[in-house]
Amino acid sequence: MVSVDHATNRRTVRPGPESRLREDTLVHDDRALIEERLSRALRQRIRPALYVRTAPLQVRAWHVDGEPVPASDALAAHADGKYESFEIGQPWGSPWSTTWFELTGQVPADWAGERVEVVMDLGFDGEGPGFQAEGMAYDADGVPIKGIAPLNAYVPVAEGVENVHLFIEAAANPSILHDFLPTEMGDRLTAPDAKLYRLVKAELAVRHEDVWQLIHDVEVLDEVMRQLPVTEPRRHLILRAPSTARSTRLTCMTCLVRRRLLASSWPTRSRRRRTPAHTTSRRPGTRISTAHGCGRCARPSARLLVRSPT
C-alpha cells in the first residue's frame, strides 16, 4: 500500500493486508509435520516395541449356533470333546455368532519375574475401540477375567503360573456404523453366512514395562497438546518438549522417542517421567521464551532477538 503526502510529494510504502498475509505464510511453521511425525512414531515404532518376547499358544475352537451360551455350557462342550483344532489365520464367526476359543500353553522358564500376558487379535479392523469383534476371557473354571477389545486385547498371567489355560468367548459383531447407512448386517435373519474375521494372533508375550509407561506418557501429552489452542504457548512447549531435564535446547517428542527406542538401555522411570512433569506443570499462558536485547545491530528489526527458549 502506497500513501502520498501531497504537501511534500513524498511517497511512503506501508504493508497492506496482502503483504502481511505473505509475510505470515513465509514463516516456517512445521507444527503439523511434527504432530504427524509423533503419531507415526507411536504407530510404527513405540507400540510395536511393547512386547519383546513371544511364545505361541495352542488354540482349539467351538462354534456356537444361535444365541450366546453361558460359560457352564462352554465347559460342558469342552468335556464332551466338541472343541476342534484351530489355526492362526483361519476364518471364524458369521455375523452375530459366537465362537469359544480354548488357549493352552506353557510359560518359558527364563521368563520368571517378567510381566507375562496373553495377547490376542481376533481380526480387529483397527477403526476404533469397539463396534466389531470382541471377547471375554475366562479361566479354566469358567470365572470371567477381563474383556478383549481392539485397544485392550491382553489378559495378564499371574506371576508364578507355568501352565496357561484360558477360554475366550468371541463375538463376531459386524461393523455396521459406516455413515449410518442401511445394511443387511444389522440382523441375523438378513446377514450372510460368510465368516467375518480371521484369528490373527494368540500368544504369550513379555511386556516391556518402560515401553508401556512411555506409550501412556506420549499419548497423554499428545492428547493434551491437541486440545490446546494454537495460540497457547503450552501447546508448542509440549510439542517440543526437552529431551531431558538438563537439556537447554528444545526437541520434538518424536526425536525423544526415537532416541529412547534406539538406546541400548532405557532410562529409569524417575528420569523418564521428568519430561511430562516439566511440560504439564506450567500454567496456561506462561511465557516460554526469554528475550535478550542485542545493541548496535545493523538492522533495526534485529535489535531484539529471541535467543534461548526456556
Protein backbone atom coordinates (compact mmCIF):
# COMPACT_ATOMS: atom_id res chain seq x y z
CA MET A 1 0.00 0.00 0.00
CA VAL A 2 1.45 3.39 -1.09
CA SER A 3 0.43 6.68 0.58
CA VAL A 4 1.37 10.10 -0.84
CA ASP A 5 1.97 13.26 1.18
CA HIS A 6 0.88 15.93 -1.35
CA ALA A 7 2.48 18.77 0.63
CA THR A 8 5.96 17.29 0.26
CA ASN A 9 5.19 14.99 -2.68
CA ARG A 10 6.70 12.18 -0.59
CA ARG A 11 5.62 8.59 -1.06
CA THR A 12 5.52 6.07 1.79
CA VAL A 13 5.18 2.33 1.28
CA ARG A 14 3.21 0.67 4.03
CA PRO A 15 2.48 -3.05 4.25
CA GLY A 16 -1.11 -3.76 3.34
CA PRO A 17 -3.24 -6.79 4.13
CA GLU A 18 -1.83 -8.75 1.19
CA SER A 19 1.75 -8.04 2.28
CA ARG A 20 1.04 -9.08 5.85
CA LEU A 21 -0.54 -12.27 4.57
CA ARG A 22 2.52 -13.08 2.51
CA GLU A 23 4.78 -12.42 5.47
CA ASP A 24 2.73 -14.76 7.64
CA THR A 25 2.92 -17.54 5.10
CA LEU A 26 6.68 -17.19 4.82
CA VAL A 27 7.18 -18.07 8.49
CA HIS A 28 8.42 -21.65 8.78
CA ASP A 29 5.64 -23.46 10.65
CA ASP A 30 6.33 -27.19 10.88
CA ARG A 31 3.79 -27.85 13.63
CA ALA A 32 1.58 -30.12 11.50
CA LEU A 33 4.63 -32.02 10.30
CA ILE A 34 5.86 -32.69 13.84
CA GLU A 35 2.40 -33.69 15.06
CA GLU A 36 2.08 -36.23 12.23
CA ARG A 37 5.59 -37.46 12.96
CA LEU A 38 4.56 -38.05 16.57
CA SER A 39 1.51 -40.07 15.51
CA ARG A 40 3.63 -42.09 13.11
CA ALA A 41 6.23 -42.79 15.80
CA LEU A 42 3.53 -44.10 18.13
CA ARG A 43 2.01 -46.24 15.41
CA GLN A 44 5.16 -47.60 13.77
CA ARG A 45 7.85 -47.57 16.45
CA ILE A 46 6.59 -47.42 20.04
CA ARG A 47 3.52 -49.65 20.17
CA PRO A 48 5.16 -52.48 18.14
CA ALA A 49 8.02 -52.46 20.68
CA LEU A 50 5.71 -53.18 23.62
CA TYR A 51 6.26 -56.95 23.61
CA VAL A 52 9.87 -58.10 23.46
CA ARG A 53 9.49 -61.92 23.56
CA THR A 54 6.63 -64.16 22.48
CA ALA A 55 5.66 -67.84 22.58
CA PRO A 56 2.78 -69.49 20.66
CA LEU A 57 -0.37 -70.90 22.25
CA GLN A 58 -2.33 -73.95 21.20
CA VAL A 59 -5.80 -72.96 20.01
CA ARG A 60 -9.00 -75.00 19.79
CA ALA A 61 -12.46 -73.68 18.97
CA TRP A 62 -16.15 -74.47 19.40
CA HIS A 63 -18.60 -72.63 17.16
CA VAL A 64 -22.00 -71.86 18.68
CA ASP A 65 -25.12 -71.70 16.52
CA GLY A 66 -27.79 -69.25 17.56
CA GLU A 67 -27.73 -67.20 20.73
CA PRO A 68 -24.69 -66.99 23.08
CA VAL A 69 -24.40 -69.63 25.78
CA PRO A 70 -23.14 -69.31 29.38
CA ALA A 71 -19.65 -70.37 30.38
CA SER A 72 -21.00 -73.53 32.00
CA ASP A 73 -22.22 -74.74 28.59
CA ALA A 74 -18.84 -73.97 27.05
CA LEU A 75 -17.08 -76.02 29.74
CA ALA A 76 -19.56 -78.87 29.22
CA ALA A 77 -18.88 -78.80 25.48
CA HIS A 78 -15.16 -78.98 26.24
CA ALA A 79 -15.73 -82.02 28.46
CA ASP A 80 -17.72 -83.64 25.63
CA GLY A 81 -14.84 -83.13 23.17
CA LYS A 82 -16.63 -80.63 20.92
CA TYR A 83 -13.63 -78.30 20.57
CA GLU A 84 -11.60 -78.68 17.37
CA SER A 85 -8.07 -77.64 16.47
CA PHE A 86 -7.90 -74.06 15.16
CA GLU A 87 -5.04 -72.42 13.28
CA ILE A 88 -3.83 -68.83 13.27
CA GLY A 89 -5.21 -67.13 10.17
CA GLN A 90 -8.26 -69.36 9.99
CA PRO A 91 -11.62 -67.56 9.49
CA TRP A 92 -14.26 -67.60 12.19
CA GLY A 93 -17.59 -66.01 13.04
CA SER A 94 -20.57 -65.44 10.79
CA PRO A 95 -22.43 -62.20 11.70
CA TRP A 96 -23.69 -62.13 15.31
CA SER A 97 -22.41 -65.65 16.05
CA THR A 98 -20.22 -66.77 18.96
CA THR A 99 -17.04 -68.84 18.96
CA TRP A 100 -15.39 -70.19 22.10
CA PHE A 101 -11.60 -70.45 21.88
CA GLU A 102 -9.54 -72.60 24.21
CA LEU A 103 -5.96 -71.39 24.72
CA THR A 104 -3.29 -73.55 26.30
CA GLY A 105 0.45 -73.10 26.63
CA GLN A 106 3.44 -73.07 28.91
CA VAL A 107 5.33 -70.02 30.12
CA PRO A 108 9.06 -70.41 29.30
CA ALA A 109 11.21 -70.93 32.38
CA ASP A 110 13.50 -67.98 31.55
CA TRP A 111 10.53 -65.60 31.76
CA ALA A 112 10.41 -65.88 35.54
CA GLY A 113 9.86 -62.49 37.16
CA GLU A 114 8.66 -60.85 33.92
CA ARG A 115 5.26 -59.33 33.21
CA VAL A 116 3.64 -62.05 31.05
CA GLU A 117 0.40 -61.58 29.13
CA VAL A 118 -1.79 -63.48 26.72
CA VAL A 119 -2.12 -61.28 23.64
CA MET A 120 -4.93 -61.81 21.14
CA ASP A 121 -6.03 -60.30 17.86
CA LEU A 122 -9.45 -61.58 16.85
CA GLY A 123 -9.16 -59.86 13.48
CA PHE A 124 -9.77 -56.28 14.58
CA ASP A 125 -10.09 -53.81 11.71
CA GLY A 126 -8.25 -51.02 13.50
CA GLU A 127 -11.04 -48.46 13.09
CA GLY A 128 -11.77 -47.81 16.75
CA PRO A 129 -12.06 -49.23 20.25
CA GLY A 130 -15.18 -51.28 19.55
CA PHE A 131 -18.25 -51.90 17.37
CA GLN A 132 -16.61 -55.02 15.89
CA ALA A 133 -15.26 -58.36 17.17
CA GLU A 134 -14.90 -58.57 20.93
CA GLY A 135 -14.41 -61.22 23.57
CA MET A 136 -14.44 -62.18 27.23
CA ALA A 137 -11.65 -64.19 28.86
CA TYR A 138 -12.44 -66.91 31.41
CA ASP A 139 -10.16 -69.11 33.47
CA ALA A 140 -10.30 -72.92 33.35
CA ASP A 141 -13.15 -72.92 35.89
CA GLY A 142 -15.32 -70.51 33.91
CA VAL A 143 -14.63 -67.45 36.06
CA PRO A 144 -14.53 -64.23 33.97
CA ILE A 145 -11.20 -62.37 33.97
CA LYS A 146 -11.46 -59.42 31.60
CA GLY A 147 -12.69 -58.30 28.21
CA ILE A 148 -10.87 -58.47 24.87
CA ALA A 149 -11.23 -55.44 22.58
CA PRO A 150 -9.17 -53.75 19.83
CA LEU A 151 -7.39 -51.38 22.24
CA ASN A 152 -7.38 -53.76 25.19
CA ALA A 153 -6.51 -57.17 23.75
CA TYR A 154 -4.46 -58.75 26.52
CA VAL A 155 -5.03 -60.97 29.54
CA PRO A 156 -2.49 -60.81 32.40
CA VAL A 157 -0.87 -64.05 33.53
CA ALA A 158 -0.39 -64.24 37.29
CA GLU A 159 3.21 -64.35 38.48
CA GLY A 160 4.44 -67.88 39.07
CA VAL A 161 1.91 -69.53 36.73
CA GLU A 162 3.63 -72.03 34.45
CA ASN A 163 0.72 -73.56 32.52
CA VAL A 164 -1.81 -71.24 30.91
CA HIS A 165 -5.36 -72.45 30.26
CA LEU A 166 -8.00 -69.92 29.19
CA PHE A 167 -11.31 -69.79 27.38
CA ILE A 168 -12.23 -66.83 25.18
CA GLU A 169 -15.86 -66.15 24.32
CA ALA A 170 -15.54 -64.31 21.00
CA ALA A 171 -18.48 -62.43 19.49
CA ALA A 172 -18.49 -61.83 15.73
CA ASN A 173 -20.20 -58.45 15.81
CA PRO A 174 -20.27 -56.94 12.31
CA SER A 175 -19.05 -53.39 11.81
CA ILE A 176 -22.19 -51.55 10.70
CA LEU A 177 -21.51 -47.89 11.60
CA HIS A 178 -20.48 -46.77 8.11
CA ASP A 179 -22.17 -43.38 7.66
CA PHE A 180 -25.22 -44.97 9.34
CA LEU A 181 -26.39 -46.37 6.01
CA PRO A 182 -28.93 -49.23 5.91
CA THR A 183 -27.23 -52.61 5.93
CA GLU A 184 -28.26 -56.25 5.87
CA MET A 185 -25.70 -56.90 8.64
CA GLY A 186 -28.00 -55.43 11.27
CA ASP A 187 -29.98 -58.66 11.82
CA ARG A 188 -29.10 -62.34 11.89
CA LEU A 189 -32.06 -63.07 9.58
CA THR A 190 -30.71 -60.86 6.77
CA ALA A 191 -26.95 -61.12 7.31
CA PRO A 192 -24.98 -63.51 5.05
CA ASP A 193 -23.37 -66.66 6.45
CA ALA A 194 -19.82 -65.77 5.38
CA LYS A 195 -17.15 -65.61 8.08
CA LEU A 196 -16.29 -62.03 9.07
CA TYR A 197 -12.97 -62.37 10.89
CA ARG A 198 -9.69 -64.27 10.95
CA LEU A 199 -7.76 -65.11 14.09
CA VAL A 200 -4.58 -63.07 13.68
CA LYS A 201 -2.78 -63.67 16.97
CA ALA A 202 -2.94 -65.79 20.11
CA GLU A 203 0.34 -65.93 22.01
CA LEU A 204 2.18 -65.43 25.26
CA ALA A 205 4.30 -62.29 25.44
CA VAL A 206 6.61 -60.44 27.81
CA ARG A 207 5.57 -56.80 28.22
CA HIS A 208 8.32 -54.17 28.29
CA GLU A 209 7.37 -52.01 31.26
CA ASP A 210 9.34 -48.94 30.16
CA VAL A 211 7.70 -49.01 26.73
CA TRP A 212 4.30 -49.42 28.40
CA GLN A 213 4.89 -46.32 30.52
CA LEU A 214 6.30 -44.37 27.57
CA ILE A 215 3.22 -45.13 25.46
CA HIS A 216 0.95 -43.60 28.09
CA ASP A 217 3.26 -40.62 28.65
CA VAL A 218 3.34 -39.74 24.96
CA GLU A 219 -0.37 -40.42 24.41
CA VAL A 220 -1.40 -38.16 27.30
CA LEU A 221 0.92 -35.36 26.19
CA ASP A 222 -0.25 -35.70 22.59
CA GLU A 223 -3.93 -35.58 23.52
CA VAL A 224 -3.46 -32.63 25.88
CA MET A 225 -1.46 -30.77 23.24
CA ARG A 226 -4.11 -31.24 20.54
CA GLN A 227 -6.84 -29.85 22.83
CA LEU A 228 -4.96 -26.59 23.43
CA PRO A 229 -5.43 -23.62 21.09
CA VAL A 230 -2.66 -22.99 18.59
CA THR A 231 -2.16 -19.59 20.25
CA GLU A 232 -1.48 -21.22 23.62
CA PRO A 233 2.29 -21.30 24.35
CA ARG A 234 1.97 -24.51 26.31
CA ARG A 235 0.87 -26.37 23.18
CA HIS A 236 4.18 -25.62 21.50
CA LEU A 237 6.13 -26.34 24.67
CA ILE A 238 4.61 -29.83 24.83
CA LEU A 239 5.20 -30.41 21.13
CA ARG A 240 8.90 -29.65 21.50
CA ALA A 241 9.47 -30.97 24.98
CA PRO A 242 13.06 -31.04 26.28
CA SER A 243 14.70 -34.43 25.89
CA THR A 244 15.93 -34.36 29.48
CA ALA A 245 15.54 -32.04 32.45
CA ARG A 246 19.10 -30.80 31.89
CA SER A 247 18.63 -30.07 28.19
CA THR A 248 18.59 -26.40 27.18
CA ARG A 249 17.53 -26.86 23.57
CA LEU A 250 14.04 -27.84 22.54
CA THR A 251 13.48 -31.17 20.85
CA CYS A 252 10.28 -32.63 19.43
CA MET A 253 8.75 -35.52 21.33
CA THR A 254 9.24 -37.87 18.40
CA CYS A 255 13.01 -37.27 18.44
CA LEU A 256 12.94 -38.02 22.15
CA VAL A 257 11.04 -41.23 21.44
CA ARG A 258 13.42 -42.28 18.67
CA ARG A 259 16.48 -41.86 20.88
CA ARG A 260 14.90 -43.89 23.66
CA LEU A 261 13.89 -46.71 21.34
CA LEU A 262 17.36 -46.92 19.82
CA ALA A 263 19.23 -46.57 23.11
CA SER A 264 20.99 -49.66 24.39
CA SER A 265 19.47 -49.18 27.84
CA TRP A 266 16.22 -47.49 28.79
CA PRO A 267 16.23 -44.59 31.28
CA THR A 268 14.96 -45.14 34.76
CA ARG A 269 11.32 -44.40 35.42
CA SER A 270 12.08 -41.36 37.55
CA ARG A 271 14.27 -39.80 34.87
CA ARG A 272 11.86 -40.65 32.07
CA ARG A 273 8.94 -39.02 33.85
CA ARG A 274 10.65 -35.64 34.15
CA THR A 275 9.56 -34.63 30.67
CA PRO A 276 5.76 -34.94 31.23
CA ALA A 277 6.03 -33.24 34.62
CA HIS A 278 8.04 -30.38 33.12
CA THR A 279 5.71 -29.84 30.19
CA THR A 280 2.40 -30.10 32.06
CA SER A 281 3.27 -28.16 35.22
CA ARG A 282 3.17 -24.73 33.56
CA ARG A 283 0.06 -22.63 33.98
CA PRO A 284 -1.86 -21.69 30.81
CA GLY A 285 -0.44 -18.58 29.22
CA THR A 286 3.00 -18.96 30.80
CA ARG A 287 5.77 -17.42 28.70
CA ILE A 288 8.14 -19.94 27.18
CA SER A 289 10.75 -17.60 25.69
CA THR A 290 13.29 -15.23 27.23
CA ALA A 291 14.10 -12.14 25.19
CA HIS A 292 17.66 -10.76 25.21
CA GLY A 293 18.50 -7.30 23.89
CA CYS A 294 21.34 -7.05 21.37
CA GLY A 295 22.54 -3.46 20.86
CA ARG A 296 24.18 -1.89 17.83
CA CYS A 297 22.67 -4.23 15.26
CA ALA A 298 22.86 -3.04 11.67
CA ARG A 299 19.16 -3.59 11.03
CA PRO A 300 16.57 -2.08 13.41
CA SER A 301 14.39 -5.17 13.10
CA ALA A 302 17.20 -7.32 14.53
CA ARG A 303 17.77 -5.37 17.73
CA LEU A 304 15.57 -7.67 19.75
CA LEU A 305 16.08 -11.39 19.27
CA VAL A 306 14.55 -14.41 20.95
CA ARG A 307 17.73 -16.28 21.62
CA SER A 308 17.18 -19.01 24.21
CA PRO A 309 13.76 -20.65 24.67
CA THR A 310 13.31 -21.83 28.25
